[in-house]
PDB file of N, CA and C in Angstrom:
ATOM      1  N   UNK A   1      19.508 154.169 117.591  1.00  0.00           N
ATOM      2  CA  UNK A   1      20.304 153.565 118.646  1.00  0.00           C
ATOM      3  C   UNK A   1      21.653 153.078 118.104  1.00  0.00           C
ATOM      4  N   UNK A   2      21.677 152.491 116.915  1.00  0.00           N
ATOM      5  CA  UNK A   2      22.940 152.003 116.358  1.00  0.00           C
ATOM      6  C   UNK A   2      23.924 153.132 116.090  1.00  0.00           C
ATOM      7  N   UNK A   3      23.410 154.284 115.694  1.00  0.00           N
ATOM      8  CA  UNK A   3      24.292 155.415 115.434  1.00  0.00           C
ATOM      9  C   UNK A   3      24.978 155.843 116.723  1.00  0.00           C
ATOM     10  N   UNK A   4      24.256 155.854 117.822  1.00  0.00           N
ATOM     11  CA  UNK A   4      24.854 156.225 119.110  1.00  0.00           C
ATOM     12  C   UNK A   4      25.906 155.208 119.540  1.00  0.00           C
ATOM     13  N   UNK A   5      25.624 153.923 119.330  1.00  0.00           N
ATOM     14  CA  UNK A   5      26.604 152.892 119.672  1.00  0.00           C
ATOM     15  C   UNK A   5      27.850 153.025 118.812  1.00  0.00           C
ATOM     16  N   UNK A   6      27.663 153.253 117.526  1.00  0.00           N
ATOM     17  CA  UNK A   6      28.803 153.397 116.626  1.00  0.00           C
ATOM     18  C   UNK A   6      29.632 154.613 116.998  1.00  0.00           C
ATOM     19  N   UNK A   7      28.977 155.699 117.341  1.00  0.00           N
ATOM     20  CA  UNK A   7      29.685 156.908 117.734  1.00  0.00           C
ATOM     21  C   UNK A   7      30.476 156.688 119.027  1.00  0.00           C
ATOM     22  N   UNK A   8      29.858 156.024 119.994  1.00  0.00           N
ATOM     23  CA  UNK A   8      30.545 155.745 121.262  1.00  0.00           C
ATOM     24  C   UNK A   8      31.760 154.851 121.041  1.00  0.00           C
ATOM     25  N   UNK A   9      31.624 153.834 120.206  1.00  0.00           N
ATOM     26  CA  UNK A   9      32.758 152.939 119.932  1.00  0.00           C
ATOM     27  C   UNK A   9      33.868 153.671 119.188  1.00  0.00           C
ATOM     28  N   UNK A  10      33.502 154.572 118.312  1.00  0.00           N
ATOM     29  CA  UNK A  10      34.501 155.341 117.582  1.00  0.00           C
ATOM     30  C   UNK A  10      35.291 156.238 118.523  1.00  0.00           C
ATOM     31  N   UNK A  11      34.612 156.868 119.454  1.00  0.00           N
ATOM     32  CA  UNK A  11      35.291 157.737 120.421  1.00  0.00           C
ATOM     33  C   UNK A  11      36.254 156.930 121.279  1.00  0.00           C
ATOM     34  N   UNK A  12      35.826 155.754 121.727  1.00  0.00           N
ATOM     35  CA  UNK A  12      36.699 154.900 122.539  1.00  0.00           C
ATOM     36  C   UNK A  12      37.908 154.461 121.722  1.00  0.00           C
ATOM     37  N   UNK A  13      37.689 154.061 120.486  1.00  0.00           N
ATOM     38  CA  UNK A  13      38.804 153.632 119.639  1.00  0.00           C
ATOM     39  C   UNK A  13      39.781 154.764 119.376  1.00  0.00           C
ATOM     40  N   UNK A  14      39.277 155.963 119.199  1.00  0.00           N
ATOM     41  CA  UNK A  14      40.147 157.099 118.922  1.00  0.00           C
ATOM     42  C   UNK A  14      41.029 157.452 120.117  1.00  0.00           C
ATOM     43  N   UNK A  15      40.575 157.160 121.332  1.00  0.00           N
ATOM     44  CA  UNK A  15      41.404 157.442 122.507  1.00  0.00           C
ATOM     45  C   UNK A  15      42.540 156.439 122.646  1.00  0.00           C
ATOM     46  N   UNK A  16      42.439 155.312 121.961  1.00  0.00           N
ATOM     47  CA  UNK A  16      43.454 154.270 122.063  1.00  0.00           C
ATOM     48  C   UNK A  16      44.336 154.186 120.827  1.00  0.00           C
ATOM     49  N   UNK A  17      44.364 155.219 120.006  1.00  0.00           N
ATOM     50  CA  UNK A  17      45.032 155.093 118.716  1.00  0.00           C
ATOM     51  C   UNK A  17      46.533 155.286 118.734  1.00  0.00           C
ATOM     52  N   UNK A  18      47.130 155.617 119.846  1.00  0.00           N
ATOM     53  CA  UNK A  18      48.581 155.750 119.864  1.00  0.00           C
ATOM     54  C   UNK A  18      49.223 154.386 119.677  1.00  0.00           C
ATOM     55  N   UNK A  19      50.131 154.269 118.729  1.00  0.00           N
ATOM     56  CA  UNK A  19      50.674 152.956 118.382  1.00  0.00           C
ATOM     57  C   UNK A  19      51.796 152.490 119.295  1.00  0.00           C
ATOM     58  N   UNK A  20      52.672 153.359 119.726  1.00  0.00           N
ATOM     59  CA  UNK A  20      53.760 152.949 120.593  1.00  0.00           C
ATOM     60  C   UNK A  20      55.000 152.570 119.828  1.00  0.00           C
ATOM     61  N   UNK A  21      56.036 152.227 120.562  1.00  0.00           N
ATOM     62  CA  UNK A  21      57.323 151.918 119.955  1.00  0.00           C
ATOM     63  C   UNK A  21      57.655 150.442 120.001  1.00  0.00           C
ATOM     64  N   UNK A  22      57.202 149.704 121.005  1.00  0.00           N
ATOM     65  CA  UNK A  22      57.526 148.277 121.081  1.00  0.00           C
ATOM     66  C   UNK A  22      56.497 147.452 120.321  1.00  0.00           C
ATOM     67  N   UNK A  23      56.873 146.228 119.985  1.00  0.00           N
ATOM     68  CA  UNK A  23      55.953 145.328 119.266  1.00  0.00           C
ATOM     69  C   UNK A  23      54.699 145.064 120.092  1.00  0.00           C
ATOM     70  N   UNK A  24      54.849 144.910 121.404  1.00  0.00           N
ATOM     71  CA  UNK A  24      53.675 144.624 122.237  1.00  0.00           C
ATOM     72  C   UNK A  24      52.730 145.820 122.314  1.00  0.00           C
ATOM     73  N   UNK A  25      53.275 147.027 122.421  1.00  0.00           N
ATOM     74  CA  UNK A  25      52.425 148.228 122.407  1.00  0.00           C
ATOM     75  C   UNK A  25      51.679 148.350 121.093  1.00  0.00           C
ATOM     76  N   UNK A  26      52.369 148.087 120.005  1.00  0.00           N
ATOM     77  CA  UNK A  26      51.753 148.185 118.686  1.00  0.00           C
ATOM     78  C   UNK A  26      50.681 147.122 118.507  1.00  0.00           C
ATOM     79  N   UNK A  27      50.932 145.919 118.999  1.00  0.00           N
ATOM     80  CA  UNK A  27      49.938 144.858 118.886  1.00  0.00           C
ATOM     81  C   UNK A  27      48.704 145.179 119.730  1.00  0.00           C
ATOM     82  N   UNK A  28      48.900 145.708 120.928  1.00  0.00           N
ATOM     83  CA  UNK A  28      47.767 146.067 121.789  1.00  0.00           C
ATOM     84  C   UNK A  28      46.923 147.185 121.193  1.00  0.00           C
ATOM     85  N   UNK A  29      47.585 148.231 120.724  1.00  0.00           N
ATOM     86  CA  UNK A  29      46.814 149.335 120.148  1.00  0.00           C
ATOM     87  C   UNK A  29      46.174 148.916 118.831  1.00  0.00           C
ATOM     88  N   UNK A  30      46.856 148.078 118.056  1.00  0.00           N
ATOM     89  CA  UNK A  30      46.255 147.568 116.823  1.00  0.00           C
ATOM     90  C   UNK A  30      45.033 146.722 117.100  1.00  0.00           C
ATOM     91  N   UNK A  31      45.108 145.908 118.156  1.00  0.00           N
ATOM     92  CA  UNK A  31      43.950 145.082 118.529  1.00  0.00           C
ATOM     93  C   UNK A  31      42.771 145.946 118.960  1.00  0.00           C
ATOM     94  N   UNK A  32      43.052 146.998 119.725  1.00  0.00           N
ATOM     95  CA  UNK A  32      41.969 147.879 120.178  1.00  0.00           C
ATOM     96  C   UNK A  32      41.315 148.610 119.007  1.00  0.00           C
ATOM     97  N   UNK A  33      42.145 149.117 118.112  1.00  0.00           N
ATOM     98  CA  UNK A  33      41.611 149.824 116.946  1.00  0.00           C
ATOM     99  C   UNK A  33      40.834 148.860 116.058  1.00  0.00           C
ATOM    100  N   UNK A  34      41.401 147.685 115.824  1.00  0.00           N
ATOM    101  CA  UNK A  34      40.738 146.696 114.977  1.00  0.00           C
ATOM    102  C   UNK A  34      39.434 146.199 115.569  1.00  0.00           C
ATOM    103  N   UNK A  35      39.406 145.989 116.875  1.00  0.00           N
ATOM    104  CA  UNK A  35      38.174 145.533 117.522  1.00  0.00           C
ATOM    105  C   UNK A  35      37.085 146.592 117.416  1.00  0.00           C
ATOM    106  N   UNK A  36      37.454 147.838 117.631  1.00  0.00           N
ATOM    107  CA  UNK A  36      36.474 148.917 117.497  1.00  0.00           C
ATOM    108  C   UNK A  36      35.951 149.040 116.085  1.00  0.00           C
ATOM    109  N   UNK A  37      36.861 149.005 115.126  1.00  0.00           N
ATOM    110  CA  UNK A  37      36.449 149.115 113.725  1.00  0.00           C
ATOM    111  C   UNK A  37      35.622 147.916 113.299  1.00  0.00           C
ATOM    112  N   UNK A  38      36.009 146.723 113.737  1.00  0.00           N
ATOM    113  CA  UNK A  38      35.251 145.515 113.387  1.00  0.00           C
ATOM    114  C   UNK A  38      33.861 145.515 113.985  1.00  0.00           C
ATOM    115  N   UNK A  39      33.752 145.942 115.225  1.00  0.00           N
ATOM    116  CA  UNK A  39      32.443 145.996 115.876  1.00  0.00           C
ATOM    117  C   UNK A  39      31.533 147.010 115.208  1.00  0.00           C
ATOM    118  N   UNK A  40      32.073 148.169 114.904  1.00  0.00           N
ATOM    119  CA  UNK A  40      31.285 149.209 114.248  1.00  0.00           C
ATOM    120  C   UNK A  40      30.861 148.762 112.860  1.00  0.00           C
ATOM    121  N   UNK A  41      31.805 148.259 112.091  1.00  0.00           N
ATOM    122  CA  UNK A  41      31.488 147.814 110.737  1.00  0.00           C
ATOM    123  C   UNK A  41      30.477 146.698 110.709  1.00  0.00           C
ATOM    124  N   UNK A  42      30.633 145.746 111.602  1.00  0.00           N
ATOM    125  CA  UNK A  42      29.703 144.619 111.651  1.00  0.00           C
ATOM    126  C   UNK A  42      28.309 145.045 112.081  1.00  0.00           C
ATOM    127  N   UNK A  43      28.242 145.948 113.066  1.00  0.00           N
ATOM    128  CA  UNK A  43      26.917 146.380 113.519  1.00  0.00           C
ATOM    129  C   UNK A  43      26.215 147.232 112.467  1.00  0.00           C
ATOM    130  N   UNK A  44      26.973 147.968 111.669  1.00  0.00           N
ATOM    131  CA  UNK A  44      26.371 148.795 110.633  1.00  0.00           C
ATOM    132  C   UNK A  44      25.792 147.971 109.485  1.00  0.00           C
ATOM    133  N   UNK A  45      26.379 146.803 109.215  1.00  0.00           N
ATOM    134  CA  UNK A  45      25.868 145.964 108.130  1.00  0.00           C
ATOM    135  C   UNK A  45      24.929 144.870 108.637  1.00  0.00           C
ATOM    136  N   UNK A  46      24.637 144.879 109.932  1.00  0.00           N
ATOM    137  CA  UNK A  46      23.680 143.936 110.496  1.00  0.00           C
ATOM    138  C   UNK A  46      24.273 142.614 110.948  1.00  0.00           C
ATOM    139  N   UNK A  47      25.577 142.531 111.058  1.00  0.00           N
ATOM    140  CA  UNK A  47      26.229 141.302 111.509  1.00  0.00           C
ATOM    141  C   UNK A  47      26.379 141.267 113.021  1.00  0.00           C
ATOM    142  N   UNK A  48      27.100 140.278 113.489  1.00  0.00           N
ATOM    143  CA  UNK A  48      27.363 140.117 114.913  1.00  0.00           C
ATOM    144  C   UNK A  48      28.428 141.113 115.359  1.00  0.00           C
ATOM    145  N   UNK A  49      28.091 141.952 116.321  1.00  0.00           N
ATOM    146  CA  UNK A  49      29.043 142.942 116.817  1.00  0.00           C
ATOM    147  C   UNK A  49      30.233 142.255 117.486  1.00  0.00           C
ATOM    148  N   UNK A  50      29.970 141.224 118.270  1.00  0.00           N
ATOM    149  CA  UNK A  50      31.044 140.510 118.953  1.00  0.00           C
ATOM    150  C   UNK A  50      31.947 139.797 117.951  1.00  0.00           C
ATOM    151  N   UNK A  51      31.355 139.202 116.936  1.00  0.00           N
ATOM    152  CA  UNK A  51      32.145 138.533 115.904  1.00  0.00           C
ATOM    153  C   UNK A  51      33.012 139.513 115.139  1.00  0.00           C
ATOM    154  N   UNK A  52      32.447 140.665 114.812  1.00  0.00           N
ATOM    155  CA  UNK A  52      33.216 141.694 114.120  1.00  0.00           C
ATOM    156  C   UNK A  52      34.360 142.207 114.971  1.00  0.00           C
ATOM    157  N   UNK A  53      34.101 142.375 116.269  1.00  0.00           N
ATOM    158  CA  UNK A  53      35.153 142.835 117.180  1.00  0.00           C
ATOM    159  C   UNK A  53      36.260 141.797 117.303  1.00  0.00           C
ATOM    160  N   UNK A  54      35.890 140.528 117.341  1.00  0.00           N
ATOM    161  CA  UNK A  54      36.876 139.455 117.461  1.00  0.00           C
ATOM    162  C   UNK A  54      37.776 139.391 116.226  1.00  0.00           C
ATOM    163  N   UNK A  55      37.171 139.408 115.062  1.00  0.00           N
ATOM    164  CA  UNK A  55      37.957 139.348 113.824  1.00  0.00           C
ATOM    165  C   UNK A  55      38.787 140.617 113.659  1.00  0.00           C
ATOM    166  N   UNK A  56      38.178 141.771 113.885  1.00  0.00           N
ATOM    167  CA  UNK A  56      38.907 143.030 113.761  1.00  0.00           C
ATOM    168  C   UNK A  56      40.059 143.134 114.742  1.00  0.00           C
ATOM    169  N   UNK A  57      39.841 142.655 115.963  1.00  0.00           N
ATOM    170  CA  UNK A  57      40.911 142.680 116.962  1.00  0.00           C
ATOM    171  C   UNK A  57      42.076 141.793 116.584  1.00  0.00           C
ATOM    172  N   UNK A  58      41.770 140.619 116.040  1.00  0.00           N
ATOM    173  CA  UNK A  58      42.837 139.698 115.617  1.00  0.00           C
ATOM    174  C   UNK A  58      43.639 140.287 114.458  1.00  0.00           C
ATOM    175  N   UNK A  59      42.943 140.853 113.481  1.00  0.00           N
ATOM    176  CA  UNK A  59      43.633 141.458 112.338  1.00  0.00           C
ATOM    177  C   UNK A  59      44.448 142.676 112.782  1.00  0.00           C
ATOM    178  N   UNK A  60      43.866 143.489 113.656  1.00  0.00           N
ATOM    179  CA  UNK A  60      44.575 144.668 114.148  1.00  0.00           C
ATOM    180  C   UNK A  60      45.811 144.311 114.958  1.00  0.00           C
ATOM    181  N   UNK A  61      45.705 143.281 115.794  1.00  0.00           N
ATOM    182  CA  UNK A  61      46.859 142.855 116.589  1.00  0.00           C
ATOM    183  C   UNK A  61      47.969 142.330 115.686  1.00  0.00           C
ATOM    184  N   UNK A  62      47.591 141.565 114.668  1.00  0.00           N
ATOM    185  CA  UNK A  62      48.595 141.062 113.737  1.00  0.00           C
ATOM    186  C   UNK A  62      49.257 142.201 112.972  1.00  0.00           C
ATOM    187  N   UNK A  63      48.462 143.149 112.510  1.00  0.00           N
ATOM    188  CA  UNK A  63      49.023 144.286 111.772  1.00  0.00           C
ATOM    189  C   UNK A  63      49.931 145.118 112.664  1.00  0.00           C
ATOM    190  N   UNK A  64      49.520 145.349 113.902  1.00  0.00           N
ATOM    191  CA  UNK A  64      50.348 146.118 114.822  1.00  0.00           C
ATOM    192  C   UNK A  64      51.633 145.404 115.183  1.00  0.00           C
ATOM    193  N   UNK A  65      51.551 144.095 115.362  1.00  0.00           N
ATOM    194  CA  UNK A  65      52.727 143.319 115.730  1.00  0.00           C
ATOM    195  C   UNK A  65      53.714 143.141 114.592  1.00  0.00           C
ATOM    196  N   UNK A  66      53.229 143.200 113.364  1.00  0.00           N
ATOM    197  CA  UNK A  66      54.097 142.976 112.209  1.00  0.00           C
ATOM    198  C   UNK A  66      54.714 144.258 111.646  1.00  0.00           C
ATOM    199  N   UNK A  67      54.300 145.406 112.167  1.00  0.00           N
ATOM    200  CA  UNK A  67      54.893 146.663 111.716  1.00  0.00           C
ATOM    201  C   UNK A  67      55.886 147.154 112.759  1.00  0.00           C
ATOM    202  N   UNK A  68      56.752 148.054 112.357  1.00  0.00           N
ATOM    203  CA  UNK A  68      57.642 148.665 113.341  1.00  0.00           C
ATOM    204  C   UNK A  68      57.458 150.173 113.319  1.00  0.00           C
ATOM    205  N   UNK A  69      58.143 150.863 114.230  1.00  0.00           N
ATOM    206  CA  UNK A  69      57.896 152.301 114.374  1.00  0.00           C
ATOM    207  C   UNK A  69      58.321 153.091 113.150  1.00  0.00           C
ATOM    208  N   UNK A  70      59.128 152.512 112.282  1.00  0.00           N
ATOM    209  CA  UNK A  70      59.504 153.206 111.051  1.00  0.00           C
ATOM    210  C   UNK A  70      58.397 153.144 110.003  1.00  0.00           C
ATOM    211  N   UNK A  71      57.507 152.140 110.094  1.00  0.00           N
ATOM    212  CA  UNK A  71      56.393 152.014 109.155  1.00  0.00           C
ATOM    213  C   UNK A  71      55.303 153.028 109.472  1.00  0.00           C
ATOM    214  N   UNK A  72      54.824 152.998 110.708  1.00  0.00           N
ATOM    215  CA  UNK A  72      53.764 153.906 111.173  1.00  0.00           C
ATOM    216  C   UNK A  72      54.114 154.290 112.593  1.00  0.00           C
ATOM    217  N   UNK A  73      54.166 155.584 112.882  1.00  0.00           N
ATOM    218  CA  UNK A  73      54.498 156.026 114.234  1.00  0.00           C
ATOM    219  C   UNK A  73      53.520 157.132 114.641  1.00  0.00           C
ATOM    220  N   UNK A  74      52.598 156.780 115.527  1.00  0.00           N
ATOM    221  CA  UNK A  74      51.631 157.759 116.023  1.00  0.00           C
ATOM    222  C   UNK A  74      51.995 158.263 117.405  1.00  0.00           C
ATOM    223  N   UNK A  75      53.181 157.922 117.894  1.00  0.00           N
ATOM    224  CA  UNK A  75      53.635 158.464 119.164  1.00  0.00           C
ATOM    225  C   UNK A  75      53.493 157.499 120.337  1.00  0.00           C
ATOM    226  N   UNK A  76      53.630 158.058 121.509  1.00  0.00           N
ATOM    227  CA  UNK A  76      53.584 157.302 122.751  1.00  0.00           C
ATOM    228  C   UNK A  76      52.150 156.868 123.045  1.00  0.00           C
ATOM    229  N   UNK A  77      51.935 155.590 123.456  1.00  0.00           N
ATOM    230  CA  UNK A  77      50.567 155.152 123.745  1.00  0.00           C
ATOM    231  C   UNK A  77      49.978 155.830 124.975  1.00  0.00           C
ATOM    232  N   UNK A  78      48.669 155.895 125.031  1.00  0.00           N
ATOM    233  CA  UNK A  78      47.962 156.583 126.122  1.00  0.00           C
ATOM    234  C   UNK A  78      48.223 155.927 127.474  1.00  0.00           C
ATOM    235  N   UNK A  79      48.520 154.635 127.500  1.00  0.00           N
ATOM    236  CA  UNK A  79      48.681 153.937 128.786  1.00  0.00           C
ATOM    237  C   UNK A  79      50.108 154.038 129.313  1.00  0.00           C
ATOM    238  N   UNK A  80      50.997 154.744 128.641  1.00  0.00           N
ATOM    239  CA  UNK A  80      52.391 154.886 129.114  1.00  0.00           C
ATOM    240  C   UNK A  80      52.623 156.253 129.685  1.00  0.00           C
TER     241      UNK A  80
END
């Protein structure tokens, strides 16, 4: 069951991986990627999935907000 959950979360995270050009787009996509990665990582090691998603989302949002399009540019976000 955990493998199916991890796979589903990975697919959802991969659909949201476009970083965008503005700081807010980058922070949003970073938060989504970080939350997915944190939830998956935490559930795989037996920790709290929600806690992992919360920490991963915060770290991802900070990383996305602190970078600019010259650092990492994955194109236009899916929601634009």
